[in-house]
C-alpha atoms as a PDB file:
ATOM      1  CA  MET A   1    -110.660-154.735 141.979  1.00  0.00           C
ATOM      2  CA  LYS A   2    -107.204-153.931 143.176  1.00  0.00           C
ATOM      3  CA  PRO A   3    -104.741-154.023 140.899  1.00  0.00           C
ATOM      4  CA  PHE A   4    -102.231-157.315 140.424  1.00  0.00           C
ATOM      5  CA  ASP A   5     -99.141-157.304 138.693  1.00  0.00           C
ATOM      6  CA  ILE A   6     -99.668-160.665 137.580  1.00  0.00           C
ATOM      7  CA  VAL A   7    -103.018-161.710 136.300  1.00  0.00           C
ATOM      8  CA  THR A   8    -103.229-165.870 135.874  1.00  0.00           C
ATOM      9  CA  ILE A   9    -106.154-167.288 133.532  1.00  0.00           C
ATOM     10  CA  THR A  10    -107.181-170.918 133.543  1.00  0.00           C
ATOM     11  CA  VAL A  11    -110.034-171.714 131.719  1.00  0.00           C
ATOM     12  CA  ASN A  12    -109.848-174.895 132.093  1.00  0.00           C
ATOM     13  CA  PRO A  13    -109.169-176.018 135.612  1.00  0.00           C
ATOM     14  CA  ALA A  14    -109.276-179.360 136.989  1.00  0.00           C
ATOM     15  CA  LEU A  15    -109.279-181.262 140.539  1.00  0.00           C
ATOM     16  CA  ASP A  16    -106.804-183.006 140.824  1.00  0.00           C
ATOM     17  CA  LYS A  17    -106.765-186.181 142.788  1.00  0.00           C
ATOM     18  CA  SER A  18    -103.645-188.441 143.189  1.00  0.00           C
ATOM     19  CA  THR A  19    -103.492-191.892 145.401  1.00  0.00           C
ATOM     20  CA  HIS A  20    -101.088-194.632 145.387  1.00  0.00           C
ATOM     21  CA  PHE A  21    -101.945-198.636 145.242  1.00  0.00           C
ATOM     22  CA  LYS A  22    -100.166-201.754 145.366  1.00  0.00           C
ATOM     23  CA  GLY A  23    -100.939-203.512 141.893  1.00  0.00           C
ATOM     24  CA  LEU A  24    -102.160-202.769 138.795  1.00  0.00           C
ATOM     25  CA  VAL A  25    -104.468-205.800 138.037  1.00  0.00           C
ATOM     26  CA  PRO A  26    -107.193-205.870 134.923  1.00  0.00           C
ATOM     27  CA  GLU A  27    -110.997-206.618 135.572  1.00  0.00           C
ATOM     28  CA  GLN A  28    -110.302-206.695 139.379  1.00  0.00           C
ATOM     29  CA  LYS A  29    -111.306-203.914 142.564  1.00  0.00           C
ATOM     30  CA  ILE A  30    -107.739-201.975 143.076  1.00  0.00           C
ATOM     31  CA  ARG A  31    -107.561-200.635 146.338  1.00  0.00           C
ATOM     32  CA  CYS A  32    -106.386-197.357 146.621  1.00  0.00           C
ATOM     33  CA  ASP A  33    -104.985-194.754 149.255  1.00  0.00           C
ATOM     34  CA  GLU A  34    -107.186-192.200 151.087  1.00  0.00           C
ATOM     35  CA  PRO A  35    -107.075-189.547 148.189  1.00  0.00           C
ATOM     36  CA  ARG A  36    -105.237-186.527 147.979  1.00  0.00           C
ATOM     37  CA  TYR A  37    -107.327-182.987 145.871  1.00  0.00           C
ATOM     38  CA  ASP A  38    -105.605-180.130 145.179  1.00  0.00           C
ATOM     39  CA  ALA A  39    -107.011-177.355 142.524  1.00  0.00           C
ATOM     40  CA  GLY A  40    -105.157-177.586 139.456  1.00  0.00           C
ATOM     41  CA  GLY A  41    -104.976-176.488 135.848  1.00  0.00           C
ATOM     42  CA  GLY A  42    -101.924-174.524 134.362  1.00  0.00           C
ATOM     43  CA  GLY A  43    -102.586-170.823 135.422  1.00  0.00           C
ATOM     44  CA  ILE A  44    -103.342-171.722 139.429  1.00  0.00           C
ATOM     45  CA  ASN A  45    -100.791-174.193 139.524  1.00  0.00           C
ATOM     46  CA  VAL A  46     -98.424-170.967 138.215  1.00  0.00           C
ATOM     47  CA  SER A  47    -100.144-168.789 140.985  1.00  0.00           C
ATOM     48  CA  LYS A  48     -99.675-171.483 143.559  1.00  0.00           C
ATOM     49  CA  ALA A  49     -96.093-171.183 142.564  1.00  0.00           C
ATOM     50  CA  ILE A  50     -95.433-167.854 142.904  1.00  0.00           C
ATOM     51  CA  SER A  51     -97.630-167.917 146.100  1.00  0.00           C
ATOM     52  CA  ARG A  52     -94.875-170.173 147.553  1.00  0.00           C
ATOM     53  CA  LEU A  53     -91.889-167.727 146.648  1.00  0.00           C
ATOM     54  CA  GLY A  54     -93.598-165.029 148.291  1.00  0.00           C
ATOM     55  CA  GLY A  55     -95.537-163.293 145.503  1.00  0.00           C
ATOM     56  CA  THR A  56     -98.906-162.483 145.155  1.00  0.00           C
ATOM     57  CA  SER A  57    -100.752-163.053 141.750  1.00  0.00           C
ATOM     58  CA  LEU A  58    -105.138-163.173 140.654  1.00  0.00           C
ATOM     59  CA  ALA A  59    -105.951-166.527 139.862  1.00  0.00           C
ATOM     60  CA  VAL A  60    -108.547-165.984 137.254  1.00  0.00           C
ATOM     61  CA  CYS A  61    -110.449-169.391 136.902  1.00  0.00           C
ATOM     62  CA  THR A  62    -113.877-170.682 135.134  1.00  0.00           C
ATOM     63  CA  SER A  63    -115.862-172.915 137.712  1.00  0.00           C
ATOM     64  CA  GLY A  64    -119.014-175.402 137.479  1.00  0.00           C
ATOM     65  CA  GLY A  65    -120.557-177.374 139.301  1.00  0.00           C
ATOM     66  CA  PRO A  66    -119.719-179.195 142.769  1.00  0.00           C
ATOM     67  CA  ILE A  67    -116.214-179.796 141.346  1.00  0.00           C
ATOM     68  CA  GLY A  68    -116.015-176.338 140.244  1.00  0.00           C
ATOM     69  CA  GLU A  69    -117.054-175.418 144.561  1.00  0.00           C
ATOM     70  CA  MET A  70    -114.795-177.623 145.673  1.00  0.00           C
ATOM     71  CA  LEU A  71    -111.857-176.117 143.627  1.00  0.00           C
ATOM     72  CA  GLU A  72    -112.432-172.920 144.882  1.00  0.00           C
ATOM     73  CA  LYS A  73    -112.713-174.211 148.190  1.00  0.00           C
ATOM     74  CA  LEU A  74    -108.767-175.742 147.272  1.00  0.00           C
ATOM     75  CA  ILE A  75    -107.917-171.898 145.982  1.00  0.00           C
ATOM     76  CA  LYS A  76    -109.343-171.018 148.840  1.00  0.00           C
ATOM     77  CA  LYS A  77    -106.847-173.064 151.702  1.00  0.00           C
ATOM     78  CA  GLU A  78    -104.082-172.288 148.939  1.00  0.00           C
ATOM     79  CA  THR A  79    -104.225-168.391 149.749  1.00  0.00           C
ATOM     80  CA  ILE A  80    -104.330-166.864 146.344  1.00  0.00           C
ATOM     81  CA  GLU A  81    -106.550-164.035 145.731  1.00  0.00           C
ATOM     82  CA  TYR A  82    -109.061-165.588 142.739  1.00  0.00           C
ATOM     83  CA  THR A  83    -111.928-164.342 140.696  1.00  0.00           C
ATOM     84  CA  ALA A  84    -113.873-167.528 139.472  1.00  0.00           C
ATOM     85  CA  ILE A  85    -115.996-167.259 136.429  1.00  0.00           C
ATOM     86  CA  LYS A  86    -119.169-169.782 136.059  1.00  0.00           C
ATOM     87  CA  VAL A  87    -119.492-171.774 133.953  1.00  0.00           C
ATOM     88  CA  GLN A  88    -122.933-174.141 132.904  1.00  0.00           C
ATOM     89  CA  THR A  89    -120.953-177.609 132.565  1.00  0.00           C
ATOM     90  CA  TRP A  90    -118.767-179.275 135.858  1.00  0.00           C
ATOM     91  CA  THR A  91    -114.964-178.740 136.226  1.00  0.00           C
ATOM     92  CA  ARG A  92    -113.400-181.593 134.899  1.00  0.00           C
ATOM     93  CA  GLU A  93    -111.333-183.849 137.215  1.00  0.00           C
ATOM     94  CA  SER A  94    -107.467-185.160 136.459  1.00  0.00           C
ATOM     95  CA  PHE A  95    -106.480-188.344 138.807  1.00  0.00           C
ATOM     96  CA  VAL A  96    -102.680-189.578 138.972  1.00  0.00           C
ATOM     97  CA  ALA A  97    -102.455-193.049 141.251  1.00  0.00           C
ATOM     98  CA  VAL A  98     -98.924-194.573 141.760  1.00  0.00           C
ATOM     99  CA  ASP A  99     -98.077-198.339 141.541  1.00  0.00           C
ATOM    100  CA  ASP A 100     -95.903-198.880 145.150  1.00  0.00           C
ATOM    101  CA  ASN A 101     -94.956-202.360 143.666  1.00  0.00           C
ATOM    102  CA  THR A 102     -93.530-201.013 140.770  1.00  0.00           C
ATOM    103  CA  ASN A 103     -92.934-197.023 141.465  1.00  0.00           C
ATOM    104  CA  SER A 104     -94.676-196.087 137.966  1.00  0.00           C
ATOM    105  CA  GLN A 105     -97.158-193.352 137.825  1.00  0.00           C
ATOM    106  CA  TYR A 106    -100.287-193.541 135.835  1.00  0.00           C
ATOM    107  CA  ARG A 107    -102.027-189.638 135.016  1.00  0.00           C
ATOM    108  CA  PHE A 108    -105.717-189.757 133.926  1.00  0.00           C
ATOM    109  CA  GLY A 109    -106.842-186.144 132.213  1.00  0.00           C
ATOM    110  CA  PHE A 110    -110.501-185.107 131.679  1.00  0.00           C
ATOM    111  CA  ALA A 111    -111.299-182.734 129.134  1.00  0.00           C
ATOM    112  CA  GLY A 112    -112.853-179.913 129.940  1.00  0.00           C
ATOM    113  CA  GLY A 113    -116.631-179.468 129.125  1.00  0.00           C
ATOM    114  CA  LYS A 114    -117.620-176.527 126.580  1.00  0.00           C
ATOM    115  CA  ILE A 115    -117.978-172.754 126.980  1.00  0.00           C
ATOM    116  CA  SER A 116    -120.785-171.377 125.514  1.00  0.00           C
ATOM    117  CA  GLU A 117    -119.510-167.949 123.736  1.00  0.00           C
ATOM    118  CA  GLN A 118    -121.826-165.643 126.205  1.00  0.00           C
ATOM    119  CA  GLU A 119    -119.094-167.446 128.767  1.00  0.00           C
ATOM    120  CA  GLU A 120    -116.326-167.274 126.463  1.00  0.00           C
ATOM    121  CA  GLN A 121    -117.466-163.155 126.257  1.00  0.00           C
ATOM    122  CA  LYS A 122    -117.150-162.653 130.690  1.00  0.00           C
ATOM    123  CA  ILE A 123    -113.249-164.379 130.199  1.00  0.00           C
ATOM    124  CA  LEU A 124    -111.959-162.357 127.485  1.00  0.00           C
ATOM    125  CA  GLU A 125    -114.474-159.244 129.239  1.00  0.00           C
ATOM    126  CA  ILE A 126    -112.576-159.283 132.712  1.00  0.00           C
ATOM    127  CA  LEU A 127    -109.082-158.960 131.627  1.00  0.00           C
ATOM    128  CA  SER A 128    -109.935-156.624 129.406  1.00  0.00           C
ATOM    129  CA  ASN A 129    -110.822-154.551 132.456  1.00  0.00           C
ATOM    130  CA  LEU A 130    -107.363-155.513 134.136  1.00  0.00           C
ATOM    131  CA  THR A 131    -103.951-153.958 133.578  1.00  0.00           C
ATOM    132  CA  PRO A 132    -101.104-156.719 134.907  1.00  0.00           C
ATOM    133  CA  GLN A 133     -97.427-155.967 134.351  1.00  0.00           C
ATOM    134  CA  PHE A 134     -97.452-159.711 133.569  1.00  0.00           C
ATOM    135  CA  LEU A 135    -100.770-161.280 132.044  1.00  0.00           C
ATOM    136  CA  VAL A 136    -100.334-165.223 132.246  1.00  0.00           C
ATOM    137  CA  ALA A 137    -102.278-167.747 129.955  1.00  0.00           C
ATOM    138  CA  SER A 138    -101.434-171.394 130.540  1.00  0.00           C
ATOM    139  CA  GLY A 139    -103.028-174.461 129.614  1.00  0.00           C
ATOM    140  CA  SER A 140    -105.531-176.462 127.053  1.00  0.00           C
ATOM    141  CA  LEU A 141    -108.583-175.211 126.148  1.00  0.00           C
ATOM    142  CA  ASN A 142    -111.915-176.629 126.894  1.00  0.00           C
ATOM    143  CA  GLU A 143    -114.913-178.074 123.920  1.00  0.00           C
ATOM    144  CA  GLY A 144    -116.095-175.448 122.354  1.00  0.00           C
ATOM    145  CA  LEU A 145    -113.609-172.242 122.349  1.00  0.00           C
ATOM    146  CA  SER A 146    -111.675-172.141 118.714  1.00  0.00           C
ATOM    147  CA  THR A 147    -107.379-172.080 118.764  1.00  0.00           C
ATOM    148  CA  ASP A 148    -107.783-168.373 118.699  1.00  0.00           C
ATOM    149  CA  PHE A 149    -108.875-168.047 122.027  1.00  0.00           C
ATOM    150  CA  TYR A 150    -105.490-167.557 123.206  1.00  0.00           C
ATOM    151  CA  GLN A 151    -104.982-165.109 120.390  1.00  0.00           C
ATOM    152  CA  LYS A 152    -108.063-162.983 121.806  1.00  0.00           C
ATOM    153  CA  ILE A 153    -106.484-162.507 125.014  1.00  0.00           C
ATOM    154  CA  ALA A 154    -103.097-161.578 123.236  1.00  0.00           C
ATOM    155  CA  LYS A 155    -104.719-158.582 121.551  1.00  0.00           C
ATOM    156  CA  ILE A 156    -106.042-157.847 125.253  1.00  0.00           C
ATOM    157  CA  ALA A 157    -102.621-158.193 126.758  1.00  0.00           C
ATOM    158  CA  LYS A 158    -101.203-156.021 123.705  1.00  0.00           C
ATOM    159  CA  LYS A 159    -103.838-153.212 124.495  1.00  0.00           C
ATOM    160  CA  SER A 160    -103.458-152.624 128.076  1.00  0.00           C
ATOM    161  CA  ASN A 161     -99.145-153.203 127.609  1.00  0.00           C
ATOM    162  CA  SER A 162     -98.796-156.150 129.539  1.00  0.00           C
ATOM    163  CA  LYS A 163     -96.563-158.843 129.601  1.00  0.00           C
ATOM    164  CA  LEU A 164     -98.439-161.874 127.918  1.00  0.00           C
ATOM    165  CA  ILE A 165     -96.535-165.682 128.924  1.00  0.00           C
ATOM    166  CA  VAL A 166     -98.460-168.375 127.646  1.00  0.00           C
ATOM    167  CA  ASP A 167     -97.386-171.826 128.161  1.00  0.00           C
ATOM    168  CA  THR A 168     -99.884-174.270 125.835  1.00  0.00           C
ATOM    169  CA  SER A 169     -99.199-175.273 122.470  1.00  0.00           C
ATOM    170  CA  GLY A 170    -100.290-176.378 119.170  1.00  0.00           C
ATOM    171  CA  GLU A 171    -102.165-174.449 116.635  1.00  0.00           C
ATOM    172  CA  ALA A 172    -103.751-172.453 120.003  1.00  0.00           C
ATOM    173  CA  LEU A 173     -99.944-171.099 120.693  1.00  0.00           C
ATOM    174  CA  LYS A 174     -99.506-170.549 116.117  1.00  0.00           C
ATOM    175  CA  LYS A 175    -101.949-168.506 116.316  1.00  0.00           C
ATOM    176  CA  VAL A 176    -100.568-166.219 119.555  1.00  0.00           C
ATOM    177  CA  LEU A 177     -97.406-166.505 117.654  1.00  0.00           C
ATOM    178  CA  GLU A 178     -99.267-163.877 114.915  1.00  0.00           C
ATOM    179  CA  ILE A 179     -99.856-161.109 117.406  1.00  0.00           C
ATOM    180  CA  GLY A 180     -96.504-161.673 119.333  1.00  0.00           C
ATOM    181  CA  ALA A 181     -96.089-162.587 123.676  1.00  0.00           C
ATOM    182  CA  TYR A 182     -93.645-161.660 126.063  1.00  0.00           C
ATOM    183  CA  LEU A 183     -92.120-164.935 127.169  1.00  0.00           C
ATOM    184  CA  ILE A 184     -93.298-167.850 125.264  1.00  0.00           C
ATOM    185  CA  LYS A 185     -92.634-172.009 127.141  1.00  0.00           C
ATOM    186  CA  PRO A 186     -92.876-174.224 124.359  1.00  0.00           C
ATOM    187  CA  ASN A 187     -90.820-178.123 124.333  1.00  0.00           C
ATOM    188  CA  VAL A 188     -88.414-179.383 121.693  1.00  0.00           C
ATOM    189  CA  GLY A 189     -90.989-180.830 120.192  1.00  0.00           C
ATOM    190  CA  GLU A 190     -93.581-178.421 120.195  1.00  0.00           C
ATOM    191  CA  LEU A 191     -91.107-175.851 119.053  1.00  0.00           C
ATOM    192  CA  ALA A 192     -90.127-177.788 116.154  1.00  0.00           C
ATOM    193  CA  LYS A 193     -93.934-177.749 114.587  1.00  0.00           C
ATOM    194  CA  LEU A 194     -93.379-174.429 115.533  1.00  0.00           C
ATOM    195  CA  ILE A 195     -91.282-173.567 112.577  1.00  0.00           C
ATOM    196  CA  GLY A 196     -92.239-176.367 110.637  1.00  0.00           C
ATOM    197  CA  VAL A 197     -89.641-179.501 110.818  1.00  0.00           C
ATOM    198  CA  GLU A 198     -90.344-182.843 111.862  1.00  0.00           C
ATOM    199  CA  ARG A 199     -87.629-182.630 115.347  1.00  0.00           C
ATOM    200  CA  LEU A 200     -84.448-180.620 116.148  1.00  0.00           C
ATOM    201  CA  GLU A 201     -81.280-181.510 117.812  1.00  0.00           C
ATOM    202  CA  LEU A 202     -80.409-179.803 120.806  1.00  0.00           C
ATOM    203  CA  GLU A 203     -77.666-178.165 118.964  1.00  0.00           C
ATOM    204  CA  GLU A 204     -80.492-176.582 116.445  1.00  0.00           C
ATOM    205  CA  VAL A 205     -83.027-175.592 119.268  1.00  0.00           C
ATOM    206  CA  ASN A 206     -81.060-171.760 119.704  1.00  0.00           C
ATOM    207  CA  GLU A 207     -81.758-171.182 115.749  1.00  0.00           C
ATOM    208  CA  ALA A 208     -85.065-172.336 115.679  1.00  0.00           C
ATOM    209  CA  ALA A 209     -85.733-169.807 119.186  1.00  0.00           C
ATOM    210  CA  LYS A 210     -84.406-167.406 117.275  1.00  0.00           C
ATOM    211  CA  GLN A 211     -86.422-168.469 113.935  1.00  0.00           C
ATOM    212  CA  ILE A 212     -89.575-167.194 116.227  1.00  0.00           C
ATOM    213  CA  ILE A 213     -88.098-164.430 117.798  1.00  0.00           C
ATOM    214  CA  ALA A 214     -86.853-162.164 114.416  1.00  0.00           C
ATOM    215  CA  LYS A 215     -90.550-162.602 113.287  1.00  0.00           C
ATOM    216  CA  GLY A 216     -91.992-160.781 116.347  1.00  0.00           C
ATOM    217  CA  GLY A 217     -93.638-164.246 117.987  1.00  0.00           C
ATOM    218  CA  ALA A 218     -92.102-163.449 121.057  1.00  0.00           C
ATOM    219  CA  GLU A 219     -88.985-161.720 123.175  1.00  0.00           C
ATOM    220  CA  ILE A 220     -88.040-164.460 124.822  1.00  0.00           C
ATOM    221  CA  VAL A 221     -88.507-168.597 124.377  1.00  0.00           C
ATOM    222  CA  VAL A 222     -87.558-170.433 127.552  1.00  0.00           C
ATOM    223  CA  VAL A 223     -87.145-174.525 125.669  1.00  0.00           C
ATOM    224  CA  SER A 224     -87.841-176.765 127.648  1.00  0.00           C
ATOM    225  CA  LEU A 225     -85.934-179.861 127.680  1.00  0.00           C
ATOM    226  CA  GLY A 226     -87.563-182.159 130.163  1.00  0.00           C
ATOM    227  CA  PRO A 227     -84.783-183.918 132.402  1.00  0.00           C
ATOM    228  CA  GLN A 228     -81.685-182.454 130.300  1.00  0.00           C
ATOM    229  CA  GLY A 229     -82.627-178.294 131.665  1.00  0.00           C
ATOM    230  CA  ALA A 230     -84.010-176.081 129.758  1.00  0.00           C
ATOM    231  CA  VAL A 231     -82.647-173.108 127.685  1.00  0.00           C
ATOM    232  CA  LEU A 232     -83.476-169.512 127.303  1.00  0.00           C
ATOM    233  CA  VAL A 233     -83.018-167.458 123.927  1.00  0.00           C
ATOM    234  CA  THR A 234     -83.842-163.638 123.355  1.00  0.00           C
ATOM    235  CA  LYS A 235     -82.500-162.095 119.689  1.00  0.00           C
ATOM    236  CA  ASP A 236     -79.188-161.118 121.845  1.00  0.00           C
ATOM    237  CA  SER A 237     -78.255-164.494 124.091  1.00  0.00           C
ATOM    238  CA  CYS A 238     -78.611-168.219 124.557  1.00  0.00           C
ATOM    239  CA  ASP A 239     -78.791-169.738 127.706  1.00  0.00           C
ATOM    240  CA  PHE A 240     -78.811-173.407 128.747  1.00  0.00           C
ATOM    241  CA  VAL A 241     -78.816-174.360 132.510  1.00  0.00           C
ATOM    242  CA  PRO A 242     -78.992-177.851 133.449  1.00  0.00           C
ATOM    243  CA  ALA A 243     -81.630-179.759 135.674  1.00  0.00           C
ATOM    244  CA  PRO A 244     -80.543-180.866 139.072  1.00  0.00           C
ATOM    245  CA  ASN A 245     -80.045-184.274 139.677  1.00  0.00           C
ATOM    246  CA  VAL A 246     -83.176-185.379 142.378  1.00  0.00           C
ATOM    247  CA  VAL A 247     -85.087-188.167 143.030  1.00  0.00           C
ATOM    248  CA  LYS A 248     -87.802-187.671 141.019  1.00  0.00           C
ATOM    249  CA  LYS A 249     -91.895-188.515 142.334  1.00  0.00           C
ATOM    250  CA  SER A 250     -93.881-187.366 140.343  1.00  0.00           C
ATOM    251  CA  THR A 251     -93.469-184.627 137.220  1.00  0.00           C
ATOM    252  CA  VAL A 252     -97.105-183.206 137.305  1.00  0.00           C
ATOM    253  CA  GLY A 253     -97.263-179.352 137.403  1.00  0.00           C
ATOM    254  CA  ALA A 254     -93.764-179.487 137.068  1.00  0.00           C
ATOM    255  CA  GLY A 255     -93.510-177.352 133.881  1.00  0.00           C
ATOM    256  CA  ASP A 256     -96.487-175.240 135.753  1.00  0.00           C
ATOM    257  CA  SER A 257     -93.438-174.886 138.563  1.00  0.00           C
ATOM    258  CA  MET A 258     -91.312-173.554 136.280  1.00  0.00           C
ATOM    259  CA  VAL A 259     -93.423-170.656 134.505  1.00  0.00           C
ATOM    260  CA  GLY A 260     -94.693-169.702 138.070  1.00  0.00           C
ATOM    261  CA  GLY A 261     -90.500-169.934 138.969  1.00  0.00           C
ATOM    262  CA  MET A 262     -89.951-167.037 135.980  1.00  0.00           C
ATOM    263  CA  VAL A 263     -92.812-165.026 136.479  1.00  0.00           C
ATOM    264  CA  TRP A 264     -92.272-164.371 140.215  1.00  0.00           C
ATOM    265  CA  ALA A 265     -88.826-163.667 139.108  1.00  0.00           C
ATOM    266  CA  LEU A 266     -89.382-161.236 136.331  1.00  0.00           C
ATOM    267  CA  SER A 267     -92.140-159.449 138.698  1.00  0.00           C
ATOM    268  CA  GLN A 268     -88.841-159.208 141.283  1.00  0.00           C
ATOM    269  CA  ASN A 269     -87.096-157.598 138.365  1.00  0.00           C
ATOM    270  CA  LYS A 270     -84.256-160.056 137.955  1.00  0.00           C
ATOM    271  CA  SER A 271     -81.964-160.888 135.447  1.00  0.00           C
ATOM    272  CA  LEU A 272     -82.830-163.275 132.532  1.00  0.00           C
ATOM    273  CA  LYS A 273     -79.946-165.324 133.790  1.00  0.00           C
ATOM    274  CA  GLU A 274     -82.017-165.814 137.347  1.00  0.00           C
ATOM    275  CA  VAL A 275     -84.957-166.285 136.003  1.00  0.00           C
ATOM    276  CA  ILE A 276     -84.683-169.155 133.985  1.00  0.00           C
ATOM    277  CA  ARG A 277     -82.559-170.663 137.058  1.00  0.00           C
ATOM    278  CA  TRP A 278     -85.684-169.900 139.696  1.00  0.00           C
ATOM    279  CA  GLY A 279     -87.566-171.782 136.657  1.00  0.00           C
ATOM    280  CA  VAL A 280     -85.507-174.915 136.589  1.00  0.00           C
ATOM    281  CA  ALA A 281     -85.131-175.112 139.862  1.00  0.00           C
ATOM    282  CA  CYS A 282     -88.936-174.382 140.935  1.00  0.00           C
ATOM    283  CA  GLY A 283     -89.318-177.042 138.287  1.00  0.00           C
ATOM    284  CA  SER A 284     -87.146-179.510 139.415  1.00  0.00           C
ATOM    285  CA  ALA A 285     -88.280-178.746 142.852  1.00  0.00           C
ATOM    286  CA  ALA A 286     -92.096-180.186 141.935  1.00  0.00           C
ATOM    287  CA  THR A 287     -91.321-183.834 140.316  1.00  0.00           C
ATOM    288  CA  MET A 288     -89.509-184.386 144.475  1.00  0.00           C
ATOM    289  CA  ASN A 289     -93.047-184.313 145.844  1.00  0.00           C
ATOM    290  CA  GLU A 290     -95.697-187.191 144.987  1.00  0.00           C
ATOM    291  CA  GLY A 291     -99.097-186.511 143.192  1.00  0.00           C
ATOM    292  CA  THR A 292    -100.025-183.238 142.467  1.00  0.00           C
ATOM    293  CA  GLN A 293     -98.617-181.625 145.125  1.00  0.00           C
ATOM    294  CA  LEU A 294     -96.083-179.005 143.129  1.00  0.00           C
ATOM    295  CA  PHE A 295     -93.208-178.432 145.238  1.00  0.00           C
ATOM    296  CA  LYS A 296     -91.316-176.746 148.242  1.00  0.00           C
ATOM    297  CA  ARG A 297     -90.067-173.242 148.962  1.00  0.00           C
ATOM    298  CA  GLU A 298     -87.244-174.467 151.049  1.00  0.00           C
ATOM    299  CA  ASP A 299     -86.266-176.877 147.980  1.00  0.00           C
ATOM    300  CA  ALA A 300     -86.675-174.589 144.990  1.00  0.00           C
ATOM    301  CA  GLN A 301     -84.234-171.954 146.907  1.00  0.00           C
ATOM    302  CA  ARG A 302     -81.429-174.955 147.812  1.00  0.00           C
ATOM    303  CA  LEU A 303     -81.439-175.756 144.355  1.00  0.00           C
ATOM    304  CA  PHE A 304     -81.725-171.734 142.853  1.00  0.00           C
ATOM    305  CA  GLY A 305     -78.445-171.780 145.340  1.00  0.00           C
ATOM    306  CA  TRP A 306     -76.682-174.639 142.828  1.00  0.00           C
ATOM    307  CA  LEU A 307     -77.980-173.471 139.681  1.00  0.00           C
ATOM    308  CA  LYS A 308     -76.922-170.145 140.058  1.00  0.00           C
ATOM    309  CA  GLY A 309     -72.597-171.704 139.319  1.00  0.00           C
ATOM    310  CA  LYS A 310     -74.394-173.354 136.017  1.00  0.00           C
END
C-alpha cells in the first residue's frame, strides 16, 4: 500500500439517501422524488472534502452486505483511494427528506451494526501499519465497540507520530483526551461537557478550550459555533471567524466539510489563521447544497476569499 499524508477512518459509515416531497401527512403514502445516493459517514465525508480541494487521502472504512457494496461504488465514483474492511453486519443507511411546501428538512439516522472483536482488531491492525502525517478519526461508533475505541487509535497515532484529528463526542472523545490529540472539534455544548459544566457562554469558550490544552488533551481546539462561525484556540492564541451569510439548503455534512477543509489546509502547510478560515469556508459552502452533497470547490474558494479579511 502506497503511503498517504492523510488517512481517515470511518467505522460506522452510511449510505446517504436524500429526496424531496410535498406535504407531510400522517397515515398517508408520501410520494417522493427520485432519491440521490451518496457515500457518507464522518471520515468518508472528510476524504471527499479533501478531494474536492485537490488533495488526496486514504479513506479506511467498514463495509457490510449489499449496502456496503453500493457504498464502495459511490466512493469509487468520488475517485477517492479507500480500503474497505469487510464486516458481517450490513452497512447502515441514513435518510434526508425535504418538504417542498415548508422547506423543512427531516433527517433520519440508523444505528450501525455490531462490530465483532475480530473485526475491531482488523481495523486497528490496518491503522497500525500506516504512518500518515495526519490521521482523522471521525463519526459515531457502532454497537459492539467500547467507548475507548478512539482512545486505542490515539495510542496508534502517538506510536506512529501521526497528528490525530478527532471529530466525535461524549465518552469516546473524553477518553481520547486522556491520551491526547493534535486537534479536536467539539461544539459549544460538547466543550461544556468536556470540562464538566452545564453550559458555556461565547465569552467563556476560549478559557474552556485552554483548560483542555493545558491538561494535554489537545494542541488545537476548534469550537464550532454553528451559524455564528467557529473559534480556533491554542495555548497562545484565540481566533474567532464569523460564518459568512449564505442561503442554507442543508446542514448535512457541514461539520465533516469543515474538518476536511482544515485537514487539507494543514497538509498544505497553511497558517492556523488560514486553516480555520478554510474550515469555515468549506463548512458554510456545504450548507449551500441540497441533501448530502457536501460543497462545491468554487463556493469554498469564494467564501475563503471573503473570510481572508476577517
